[in-house]
Amino acid sequence: MPTRNFSRKTLGQRKYPYLLKGLEIVRPNQVWCTDITYVRLAKGYLYLVAIMDWFSRYVVAWRLSNTLEGSFCEEAL
């Protein structure tokens, strides 16, 4: 079951550098981003993955799933 504060750092967790620092994003399809979140329903959860173009903020693809198996993310990509 999902809990709050997924982004909270835990002991021993590695911090990764921001790889886009200093990169000027000047055209569509130069950089895509993705996010997975959950939607609470009366009898459970749905999981939403979205792939967006960083420059235009356009949603390139999205999928819903009732499980967190990776296949729905692959389908979106």
N, C-alpha and C. Protein backbone atom coordinates (compact mmCIF):
# COMPACT_ATOMS: atom_id res chain seq x y z
N MET A 1 0.85 -1.18 0.00
CA MET A 1 0.00 0.00 0.00
C MET A 1 0.89 1.24 0.00
N PRO A 2 0.63 2.23 -0.89
CA PRO A 2 1.45 3.44 -0.94
C PRO A 2 1.41 4.22 0.37
N THR A 3 2.50 4.85 0.68
CA THR A 3 2.58 5.71 1.86
C THR A 3 3.04 7.09 1.43
N ARG A 4 2.94 8.03 2.31
CA ARG A 4 3.35 9.39 2.00
C ARG A 4 4.86 9.53 2.11
N ASN A 5 5.37 10.62 1.53
CA ASN A 5 6.78 11.01 1.63
C ASN A 5 7.74 10.00 0.99
N PHE A 6 7.42 9.57 -0.24
CA PHE A 6 8.32 8.68 -0.96
C PHE A 6 9.70 9.31 -1.19
N SER A 7 9.76 10.61 -1.26
CA SER A 7 11.01 11.30 -1.59
C SER A 7 11.91 11.53 -0.39
N ARG A 8 11.49 11.14 0.78
CA ARG A 8 12.29 11.35 1.97
C ARG A 8 13.54 10.48 1.91
N LYS A 9 14.69 11.09 2.12
CA LYS A 9 15.96 10.38 2.06
C LYS A 9 16.11 9.46 3.27
N THR A 10 16.61 8.25 3.02
CA THR A 10 16.86 7.31 4.10
C THR A 10 18.36 7.14 4.32
N LEU A 11 18.73 6.63 5.45
CA LEU A 11 20.12 6.43 5.80
C LEU A 11 20.81 5.55 4.78
N GLY A 12 21.95 5.97 4.26
CA GLY A 12 22.71 5.19 3.30
C GLY A 12 22.25 5.32 1.87
N GLN A 13 21.24 6.14 1.63
CA GLN A 13 20.73 6.32 0.27
C GLN A 13 21.67 7.23 -0.51
N ARG A 14 22.04 6.80 -1.71
CA ARG A 14 22.98 7.56 -2.53
C ARG A 14 22.29 8.76 -3.17
N LYS A 15 22.98 9.87 -3.24
CA LYS A 15 22.46 11.06 -3.89
C LYS A 15 23.09 11.15 -5.29
N TYR A 16 22.25 11.21 -6.31
CA TYR A 16 22.72 11.25 -7.68
C TYR A 16 22.77 12.70 -8.17
N PRO A 17 23.76 13.02 -9.02
CA PRO A 17 23.86 14.40 -9.53
C PRO A 17 22.76 14.69 -10.55
N TYR A 18 22.40 15.95 -10.68
CA TYR A 18 21.42 16.39 -11.66
C TYR A 18 22.13 16.49 -13.01
N LEU A 19 21.84 15.57 -13.91
CA LEU A 19 22.59 15.45 -15.16
C LEU A 19 22.26 16.53 -16.19
N LEU A 20 21.16 17.24 -16.01
CA LEU A 20 20.78 18.28 -16.97
C LEU A 20 21.26 19.67 -16.56
N LYS A 21 21.98 19.76 -15.46
CA LYS A 21 22.46 21.05 -14.99
C LYS A 21 23.33 21.70 -16.06
N GLY A 22 22.99 22.93 -16.41
CA GLY A 22 23.76 23.68 -17.40
C GLY A 22 23.35 23.39 -18.85
N LEU A 23 22.47 22.42 -19.07
CA LEU A 23 22.02 22.10 -20.42
C LEU A 23 20.90 23.04 -20.82
N GLU A 24 21.04 23.72 -21.95
CA GLU A 24 20.00 24.59 -22.44
C GLU A 24 19.06 23.77 -23.32
N ILE A 25 17.82 23.67 -22.91
CA ILE A 25 16.83 22.89 -23.64
C ILE A 25 16.10 23.86 -24.56
N VAL A 26 16.35 23.72 -25.87
CA VAL A 26 15.89 24.73 -26.83
C VAL A 26 14.96 24.19 -27.91
N ARG A 27 14.66 22.87 -27.90
CA ARG A 27 13.80 22.32 -28.95
C ARG A 27 13.01 21.12 -28.43
N PRO A 28 11.87 20.84 -29.06
CA PRO A 28 11.09 19.66 -28.68
C PRO A 28 11.87 18.37 -28.91
N ASN A 29 11.57 17.36 -28.13
CA ASN A 29 12.17 16.03 -28.20
C ASN A 29 13.67 16.00 -27.88
N GLN A 30 14.18 17.07 -27.31
CA GLN A 30 15.57 17.08 -26.87
C GLN A 30 15.71 16.32 -25.56
N VAL A 31 14.72 16.50 -24.66
CA VAL A 31 14.72 15.84 -23.35
C VAL A 31 13.30 15.43 -23.03
N TRP A 32 13.13 14.19 -22.62
CA TRP A 32 11.86 13.70 -22.11
C TRP A 32 12.01 13.42 -20.63
N CYS A 33 10.90 13.49 -19.91
CA CYS A 33 10.89 13.15 -18.49
C CYS A 33 9.73 12.20 -18.24
N THR A 34 9.78 11.51 -17.11
CA THR A 34 8.71 10.58 -16.77
C THR A 34 8.42 10.66 -15.29
N ASP A 35 7.22 10.27 -14.93
CA ASP A 35 6.83 10.22 -13.53
C ASP A 35 5.77 9.15 -13.35
N ILE A 36 5.79 8.51 -12.21
CA ILE A 36 4.78 7.52 -11.84
C ILE A 36 4.12 8.02 -10.55
N THR A 37 2.81 7.99 -10.52
CA THR A 37 2.08 8.37 -9.33
C THR A 37 0.89 7.44 -9.16
N TYR A 38 0.25 7.53 -8.02
CA TYR A 38 -0.92 6.69 -7.80
C TYR A 38 -2.16 7.54 -7.60
N VAL A 39 -3.30 6.97 -8.00
CA VAL A 39 -4.59 7.61 -7.84
C VAL A 39 -5.40 6.75 -6.88
N ARG A 40 -5.77 7.31 -5.75
CA ARG A 40 -6.53 6.57 -4.75
C ARG A 40 -7.99 6.44 -5.19
N LEU A 41 -8.51 5.23 -5.14
CA LEU A 41 -9.90 4.96 -5.46
C LEU A 41 -10.58 4.37 -4.23
N ALA A 42 -11.88 4.21 -4.28
CA ALA A 42 -12.61 3.68 -3.14
C ALA A 42 -12.15 2.27 -2.76
N LYS A 43 -11.77 1.47 -3.74
CA LYS A 43 -11.39 0.07 -3.47
C LYS A 43 -9.96 -0.24 -3.88
N GLY A 44 -9.06 0.72 -3.78
CA GLY A 44 -7.67 0.43 -4.11
C GLY A 44 -7.00 1.61 -4.79
N TYR A 45 -6.06 1.30 -5.67
CA TYR A 45 -5.26 2.32 -6.32
C TYR A 45 -5.12 2.01 -7.81
N LEU A 46 -4.96 3.07 -8.60
CA LEU A 46 -4.52 2.97 -9.98
C LEU A 46 -3.19 3.69 -10.06
N TYR A 47 -2.31 3.19 -10.90
CA TYR A 47 -1.00 3.79 -11.05
C TYR A 47 -0.92 4.43 -12.44
N LEU A 48 -0.43 5.66 -12.48
CA LEU A 48 -0.35 6.44 -13.70
C LEU A 48 1.10 6.74 -14.02
N VAL A 49 1.52 6.40 -15.24
CA VAL A 49 2.85 6.80 -15.71
C VAL A 49 2.64 7.79 -16.85
N ALA A 50 3.40 8.86 -16.84
CA ALA A 50 3.32 9.87 -17.90
C ALA A 50 4.73 10.15 -18.41
N ILE A 51 4.84 10.29 -19.73
CA ILE A 51 6.10 10.68 -20.36
C ILE A 51 5.85 12.02 -21.02
N MET A 52 6.69 13.00 -20.68
CA MET A 52 6.48 14.37 -21.16
C MET A 52 7.72 14.90 -21.87
N ASP A 53 7.48 15.78 -22.83
CA ASP A 53 8.55 16.52 -23.47
C ASP A 53 8.91 17.69 -22.57
N TRP A 54 10.16 17.78 -22.17
CA TRP A 54 10.59 18.79 -21.19
C TRP A 54 10.44 20.21 -21.74
N PHE A 55 10.68 20.40 -23.03
CA PHE A 55 10.64 21.74 -23.64
C PHE A 55 9.22 22.27 -23.73
N SER A 56 8.30 21.49 -24.31
CA SER A 56 6.94 21.96 -24.56
C SER A 56 5.96 21.62 -23.44
N ARG A 57 6.35 20.74 -22.52
CA ARG A 57 5.50 20.23 -21.44
C ARG A 57 4.33 19.41 -22.00
N TYR A 58 4.47 18.94 -23.24
CA TYR A 58 3.46 18.11 -23.88
C TYR A 58 3.54 16.68 -23.36
N VAL A 59 2.40 16.08 -23.05
CA VAL A 59 2.38 14.68 -22.62
C VAL A 59 2.51 13.82 -23.87
N VAL A 60 3.64 13.14 -24.00
CA VAL A 60 3.92 12.30 -25.16
C VAL A 60 3.12 11.01 -25.07
N ALA A 61 3.05 10.42 -23.87
CA ALA A 61 2.33 9.16 -23.68
C ALA A 61 1.98 9.01 -22.20
N TRP A 62 0.95 8.20 -21.94
CA TRP A 62 0.57 7.89 -20.55
C TRP A 62 -0.15 6.55 -20.54
N ARG A 63 -0.09 5.89 -19.40
CA ARG A 63 -0.77 4.61 -19.22
C ARG A 63 -1.24 4.51 -17.77
N LEU A 64 -2.34 3.78 -17.58
CA LEU A 64 -2.85 3.45 -16.26
C LEU A 64 -2.71 1.96 -16.03
N SER A 65 -2.50 1.57 -14.77
CA SER A 65 -2.41 0.16 -14.43
C SER A 65 -2.93 -0.04 -13.01
N ASN A 66 -3.42 -1.24 -12.73
CA ASN A 66 -3.84 -1.54 -11.36
C ASN A 66 -2.73 -2.26 -10.59
N THR A 67 -1.57 -2.45 -11.20
CA THR A 67 -0.40 -3.00 -10.52
C THR A 67 0.82 -2.14 -10.84
N LEU A 68 1.88 -2.33 -10.08
CA LEU A 68 3.12 -1.59 -10.34
C LEU A 68 4.13 -2.40 -11.14
N GLU A 69 3.67 -3.37 -11.91
CA GLU A 69 4.57 -4.12 -12.77
C GLU A 69 5.09 -3.19 -13.86
N GLY A 70 6.31 -3.41 -14.28
CA GLY A 70 6.96 -2.50 -15.23
C GLY A 70 6.40 -2.51 -16.63
N SER A 71 5.58 -3.49 -16.96
CA SER A 71 5.11 -3.61 -18.36
C SER A 71 4.29 -2.39 -18.80
N PHE A 72 3.51 -1.80 -17.91
CA PHE A 72 2.72 -0.65 -18.34
C PHE A 72 3.62 0.58 -18.60
N CYS A 73 4.74 0.65 -17.94
CA CYS A 73 5.71 1.73 -18.22
C CYS A 73 6.35 1.51 -19.60
N GLU A 74 6.68 0.27 -19.88
CA GLU A 74 7.24 -0.06 -21.20
C GLU A 74 6.25 0.25 -22.31
N GLU A 75 4.97 -0.05 -22.08
CA GLU A 75 3.94 0.25 -23.07
C GLU A 75 3.86 1.74 -23.35
N ALA A 76 3.97 2.54 -22.32
CA ALA A 76 3.92 3.99 -22.49
C ALA A 76 5.10 4.47 -23.32
N LEU A 77 6.27 3.89 -23.06
CA LEU A 77 7.47 4.30 -23.79
C LEU A 77 7.41 3.82 -25.22
